[in-house]
Amino acid sequence: MITSTGNGKIKELVRLKKSAKERAKKGVFLVEGPKMFREIPHGLCLEVYGSEAFFLTQEGAAARKKAAADGIVPETVSDAVFQYLSDTQSPQGILAVVKQLGYGLKDLTDGDCPLMVILENLQDPGNLGTILRTAEAAGVTGILLSQGCADIYNPKVTRSTMGSIFRVPFVYTDDLKGAIARLKERGVRMLAAHLDGSIGLYEASFTAPAAILIGNESRGLTEETAALADQAIRIPMSGSVESLNAAVATAVCLFEARRQRSLPAQE
């Protein structure tokens, strides 16, 4: 059992927790909590660490069994050391080191009528995690992110996804304009969420292959990216509210798309 925060493995886990650069260098990220641990697909888990108290529970026994299926012998750490490791105020007792996921642009457009989200310079980890979770619920086929977006492997992001990070394909690009052009060539229509949209959300059509463009929390889409859209759409709002939180705006747009796609086909 590991009982010291000075242990080499513990120091490495702390570096992975705090540094996107370190996570990218190692090609791994951290997953914490029993629910997220259960969501890890077979073959992706590399290391498992659990608190002494956690491994005395039924959930702990189940976690050992899941780890064994991947050929992993979990490492027990003292409760105090796990508290030090945890990214939450109320640690849930288990943490895993997991391989980063690898997707290509074509993975984002699977299916007969893909629905995508394109994020430009989204900064808040909580927003990003919520968007990923919402995207799965709305039937999104993939997410494209500019390099200016928050790190999807940030522990706050992965925790917010509630497991959706393992099921929704995503790709970062350092050439957002080029990636959008390639998607357009594949028949994906670009709809930009914009305060000055020329058409209301409920007047727009999402029944063909489509991507919803969402910009930075405070600045929105850059003029260059907004100009690439086939149509700019605005969300109708009452009162004196000028804009919505990025994750909320994404959810409103996505579920309108889902609603339209669930309607019976018109003859």
Protein backbone atom coordinates (compact mmCIF):
# COMPACT_ATOMS: atom_id res chain seq x y z
CA MET A 1 0.00 0.00 0.00
CA ILE A 2 1.23 3.49 -0.89
CA THR A 3 1.22 5.69 2.20
CA SER A 4 3.37 8.66 1.13
CA THR A 5 2.61 11.59 -1.17
CA GLY A 6 6.31 11.54 -2.01
CA ASN A 7 5.96 8.19 -3.79
CA GLY A 8 7.07 8.37 -7.45
CA LYS A 9 3.78 7.03 -8.82
CA ILE A 10 1.81 9.56 -6.79
CA LYS A 11 3.98 12.41 -8.06
CA GLU A 12 3.40 11.26 -11.65
CA LEU A 13 -0.38 11.12 -11.12
CA VAL A 14 -0.36 14.67 -9.75
CA ARG A 15 1.55 15.85 -12.80
CA LEU A 16 -1.00 14.18 -15.07
CA LYS A 17 -3.84 15.78 -13.12
CA LYS A 18 -2.41 19.28 -13.38
CA SER A 19 -0.71 19.39 -16.79
CA ALA A 20 -2.31 19.09 -20.24
CA LYS A 21 1.20 19.01 -21.68
CA GLU A 22 2.11 16.02 -19.52
CA ARG A 23 -1.10 14.20 -20.47
CA ALA A 24 -0.42 14.80 -24.16
CA LYS A 25 3.20 13.68 -23.80
CA LYS A 26 2.18 10.40 -22.17
CA GLY A 27 -0.94 9.94 -24.29
CA VAL A 28 -3.11 9.31 -21.22
CA PHE A 29 -5.66 11.00 -18.96
CA LEU A 30 -7.17 10.40 -15.54
CA VAL A 31 -10.64 9.09 -14.74
CA GLU A 32 -11.96 9.39 -11.19
CA GLY A 33 -14.99 7.90 -9.44
CA PRO A 34 -16.80 4.54 -9.63
CA LYS A 35 -19.30 5.59 -12.32
CA MET A 36 -16.66 6.96 -14.66
CA PHE A 37 -14.46 3.94 -13.96
CA ARG A 38 -17.28 1.59 -14.99
CA GLU A 39 -17.64 3.51 -18.27
CA ILE A 40 -14.03 2.89 -19.37
CA PRO A 41 -14.10 0.65 -22.47
CA HIS A 42 -12.20 -2.62 -22.36
CA GLY A 43 -8.56 -2.23 -23.33
CA LEU A 44 -8.18 1.48 -22.57
CA CYS A 45 -7.41 1.28 -18.86
CA LEU A 46 -3.70 1.18 -17.96
CA GLU A 47 -3.46 1.67 -14.18
CA VAL A 48 -5.92 1.66 -11.28
CA TYR A 49 -5.52 3.24 -7.85
CA GLY A 50 -8.02 2.92 -5.02
CA SER A 51 -8.24 4.08 -1.43
CA GLU A 52 -7.96 1.55 1.36
CA ALA A 53 -11.54 2.28 2.44
CA PHE A 54 -12.92 1.98 -1.11
CA PHE A 55 -11.48 -1.47 -1.70
CA LEU A 56 -13.33 -2.74 1.39
CA THR A 57 -16.69 -1.99 -0.25
CA GLN A 58 -18.75 -3.96 -2.78
CA GLU A 59 -17.99 -1.29 -5.39
CA GLY A 60 -14.32 -1.79 -4.63
CA ALA A 61 -14.62 -5.52 -5.20
CA ALA A 62 -16.40 -4.89 -8.52
CA ALA A 63 -13.66 -2.44 -9.52
CA ARG A 64 -10.98 -5.06 -8.83
CA LYS A 65 -12.85 -7.51 -11.04
CA LYS A 66 -13.12 -4.98 -13.90
CA ALA A 67 -9.42 -4.14 -13.59
CA ALA A 68 -8.52 -7.83 -13.65
CA ALA A 69 -10.39 -8.18 -16.97
CA ASP A 70 -7.81 -5.76 -18.43
CA GLY A 71 -4.95 -7.62 -16.75
CA ILE A 72 -4.44 -4.88 -14.15
CA VAL A 73 -3.69 -5.36 -10.47
CA PRO A 74 -5.01 -2.24 -8.72
CA GLU A 75 -2.72 -0.28 -6.40
CA THR A 76 -4.06 0.47 -2.92
CA VAL A 77 -3.25 3.88 -1.44
CA SER A 78 -3.98 5.19 2.02
CA ASP A 79 -7.11 7.30 2.42
CA ALA A 80 -4.98 10.38 3.14
CA VAL A 81 -2.93 9.90 -0.03
CA PHE A 82 -6.06 9.41 -2.11
CA GLN A 83 -7.45 12.66 -0.71
CA TYR A 84 -4.25 14.32 -1.92
CA LEU A 85 -4.63 12.76 -5.37
CA SER A 86 -8.29 13.52 -5.86
CA ASP A 87 -9.55 16.37 -8.01
CA THR A 88 -12.74 16.67 -5.93
CA GLN A 89 -13.51 17.83 -2.39
CA SER A 90 -15.30 14.54 -1.68
CA PRO A 91 -13.12 11.78 -3.18
CA GLN A 92 -14.95 8.68 -4.40
CA GLY A 93 -12.08 6.30 -3.82
CA ILE A 94 -10.95 5.18 -7.25
CA LEU A 95 -8.79 6.69 -9.99
CA ALA A 96 -7.59 5.22 -13.28
CA VAL A 97 -4.98 6.10 -15.88
CA VAL A 98 -6.58 5.70 -19.32
CA LYS A 99 -5.29 5.84 -22.91
CA GLN A 100 -6.27 8.95 -24.82
CA LEU A 101 -8.81 8.37 -27.59
CA GLY A 102 -7.91 8.67 -31.26
CA TYR A 103 -10.37 9.79 -33.95
CA GLY A 104 -10.16 11.25 -37.45
CA LEU A 105 -12.39 13.76 -39.21
CA LYS A 106 -14.29 10.98 -40.99
CA ASP A 107 -15.31 9.52 -37.61
CA LEU A 108 -17.35 12.66 -36.92
CA THR A 109 -19.66 12.13 -39.89
CA ASP A 110 -20.71 8.50 -39.46
CA GLY A 111 -24.27 7.67 -40.38
CA ASP A 112 -26.69 8.70 -43.11
CA CYS A 113 -27.37 12.17 -41.71
CA PRO A 114 -24.59 13.36 -39.41
CA LEU A 115 -25.16 16.07 -36.81
CA MET A 116 -22.02 17.74 -35.53
CA VAL A 117 -20.93 20.45 -33.12
CA ILE A 118 -17.98 22.69 -34.02
CA LEU A 119 -16.43 24.60 -31.13
CA GLU A 120 -14.14 27.59 -31.59
CA ASN A 121 -12.00 28.75 -28.66
CA LEU A 122 -14.37 27.45 -25.98
CA GLN A 123 -12.47 28.04 -22.74
CA ASP A 124 -14.48 26.77 -19.79
CA PRO A 125 -13.89 23.08 -18.90
CA GLY A 126 -17.35 22.79 -17.35
CA ASN A 127 -18.98 24.06 -20.53
CA LEU A 128 -16.99 21.64 -22.66
CA GLY A 129 -17.88 18.65 -20.50
CA THR A 130 -21.56 19.61 -20.45
CA ILE A 131 -21.60 20.04 -24.23
CA LEU A 132 -20.11 16.58 -24.71
CA ARG A 133 -22.74 15.01 -22.45
CA THR A 134 -25.55 16.99 -24.12
CA ALA A 135 -24.23 16.05 -27.55
CA GLU A 136 -24.56 12.36 -26.79
CA ALA A 137 -28.12 12.84 -25.53
CA ALA A 138 -29.07 14.74 -28.69
CA GLY A 139 -27.60 12.14 -31.05
CA VAL A 140 -24.56 14.11 -32.22
CA THR A 141 -22.17 12.09 -34.38
CA GLY A 142 -19.03 14.06 -33.49
CA ILE A 143 -17.42 17.23 -32.19
CA LEU A 144 -14.73 19.30 -33.92
CA LEU A 145 -12.67 21.61 -31.69
CA SER A 146 -10.22 24.37 -32.52
CA GLN A 147 -6.84 24.19 -30.78
CA GLY A 148 -7.92 27.22 -28.73
CA CYS A 149 -10.52 25.16 -26.87
CA ALA A 150 -10.07 23.83 -23.35
CA ASP A 151 -8.36 20.45 -23.00
CA ILE A 152 -11.00 17.75 -23.21
CA TYR A 153 -8.82 15.56 -20.95
CA ASN A 154 -8.88 18.12 -18.12
CA PRO A 155 -10.25 16.21 -15.07
CA LYS A 156 -13.10 18.73 -14.72
CA VAL A 157 -14.13 18.12 -18.33
CA THR A 158 -14.01 14.33 -18.13
CA ARG A 159 -15.98 14.38 -14.88
CA SER A 160 -18.65 16.65 -16.43
CA THR A 161 -19.13 14.29 -19.38
CA MET A 162 -20.38 11.50 -17.09
CA GLY A 163 -18.91 8.93 -19.49
CA SER A 164 -19.87 10.57 -22.79
CA ILE A 165 -16.19 11.20 -23.52
CA PHE A 166 -15.94 7.48 -24.34
CA ARG A 167 -18.88 7.52 -26.76
CA VAL A 168 -18.83 10.81 -28.69
CA PRO A 169 -16.01 11.09 -31.26
CA PHE A 170 -14.04 14.34 -31.13
CA VAL A 171 -11.13 15.86 -33.02
CA TYR A 172 -8.93 18.91 -32.35
CA THR A 173 -7.69 20.82 -35.38
CA ASP A 174 -5.14 23.58 -35.85
CA ASP A 175 -6.77 24.39 -39.21
CA LEU A 176 -10.43 25.00 -38.43
CA LYS A 177 -11.08 26.70 -41.76
CA GLY A 178 -9.63 23.77 -43.70
CA ALA A 179 -11.53 21.20 -41.64
CA ILE A 180 -14.81 23.04 -42.19
CA ALA A 181 -14.09 23.15 -45.92
CA ARG A 182 -13.56 19.38 -45.98
CA LEU A 183 -16.80 18.79 -44.11
CA LYS A 184 -18.65 21.02 -46.55
CA GLU A 185 -17.26 18.92 -49.39
CA ARG A 186 -18.91 15.93 -47.70
CA GLY A 187 -22.27 17.70 -47.76
CA VAL A 188 -22.35 18.99 -44.18
CA ARG A 189 -24.24 22.29 -43.90
CA MET A 190 -22.75 24.85 -41.49
CA LEU A 191 -25.15 26.67 -39.15
CA ALA A 192 -23.57 29.30 -36.91
CA ALA A 193 -25.18 30.24 -33.59
CA HIS A 194 -24.89 34.03 -33.73
CA LEU A 195 -26.51 36.99 -31.98
CA ASP A 196 -26.94 38.67 -35.39
CA GLY A 197 -28.29 35.57 -37.10
CA SER A 198 -30.35 36.18 -40.20
CA ILE A 199 -32.91 33.53 -39.25
CA GLY A 200 -34.49 32.31 -36.02
CA LEU A 201 -33.51 28.89 -34.69
CA TYR A 202 -37.00 27.45 -35.18
CA GLU A 203 -37.09 28.60 -38.80
CA ALA A 204 -33.80 26.89 -39.67
CA SER A 205 -33.68 23.35 -41.06
CA PHE A 206 -31.57 20.63 -39.46
CA THR A 207 -32.94 17.67 -41.40
CA ALA A 208 -29.93 17.41 -43.75
CA PRO A 209 -26.34 16.69 -42.60
CA ALA A 210 -25.48 19.67 -40.40
CA ALA A 211 -22.94 21.18 -38.03
CA ILE A 212 -23.69 23.81 -35.39
CA LEU A 213 -20.88 26.32 -34.87
CA ILE A 214 -20.44 27.63 -31.31
CA GLY A 215 -17.92 30.29 -30.34
CA ASN A 216 -16.04 31.55 -27.32
CA GLU A 217 -18.06 32.24 -24.15
CA SER A 218 -17.50 36.00 -24.18
CA ARG A 219 -16.58 36.82 -27.78
CA GLY A 220 -18.60 34.31 -29.77
CA LEU A 221 -17.37 33.10 -33.16
CA THR A 222 -14.56 34.96 -34.88
CA GLU A 223 -15.64 36.90 -37.97
CA GLU A 224 -13.53 34.59 -40.12
CA THR A 225 -15.26 31.43 -38.87
CA ALA A 226 -18.74 32.96 -38.85
CA ALA A 227 -18.22 33.87 -42.52
CA LEU A 228 -17.77 30.17 -43.34
CA ALA A 229 -21.30 29.34 -42.21
CA ASP A 230 -24.01 28.62 -44.74
CA GLN A 231 -26.47 30.33 -42.42
CA ALA A 232 -26.29 32.27 -39.14
CA ILE A 233 -29.07 31.43 -36.70
CA ARG A 234 -30.22 33.24 -33.58
CA ILE A 235 -32.00 31.83 -30.55
CA PRO A 236 -35.20 33.81 -29.82
CA MET A 237 -35.07 35.27 -26.30
CA SER A 238 -37.37 37.35 -24.10
CA GLY A 239 -36.59 40.04 -21.57
CA SER A 240 -33.28 41.86 -21.41
CA VAL A 241 -31.09 38.77 -21.79
CA GLU A 242 -28.48 39.37 -24.50
CA SER A 243 -27.01 35.88 -24.75
CA LEU A 244 -27.01 32.39 -23.25
CA ASN A 245 -24.23 30.36 -21.69
CA ALA A 246 -22.38 28.48 -24.46
CA ALA A 247 -23.39 25.04 -23.17
CA VAL A 248 -27.03 26.12 -22.81
CA ALA A 249 -27.09 27.64 -26.31
CA THR A 250 -25.62 24.43 -27.72
CA ALA A 251 -28.26 22.34 -25.94
CA VAL A 252 -31.12 24.51 -27.25
CA CYS A 253 -29.85 24.21 -30.83
CA LEU A 254 -29.14 20.49 -30.62
CA PHE A 255 -32.52 19.54 -29.24
CA GLU A 256 -34.29 21.59 -31.91
CA ALA A 257 -32.27 19.58 -34.43
CA ARG A 258 -33.26 16.37 -32.66
CA ARG A 259 -36.91 17.43 -32.62
CA GLN A 260 -36.91 18.13 -36.37
CA ARG A 261 -35.20 14.86 -37.15
CA SER A 262 -37.73 12.88 -35.10
CA LEU A 263 -40.72 14.26 -37.02
CA PRO A 264 -42.38 11.95 -39.58
CA ALA A 265 -41.01 12.45 -43.08
CA GLN A 266 -43.16 14.77 -45.19
CA GLU A 267 -44.50 13.23 -48.37
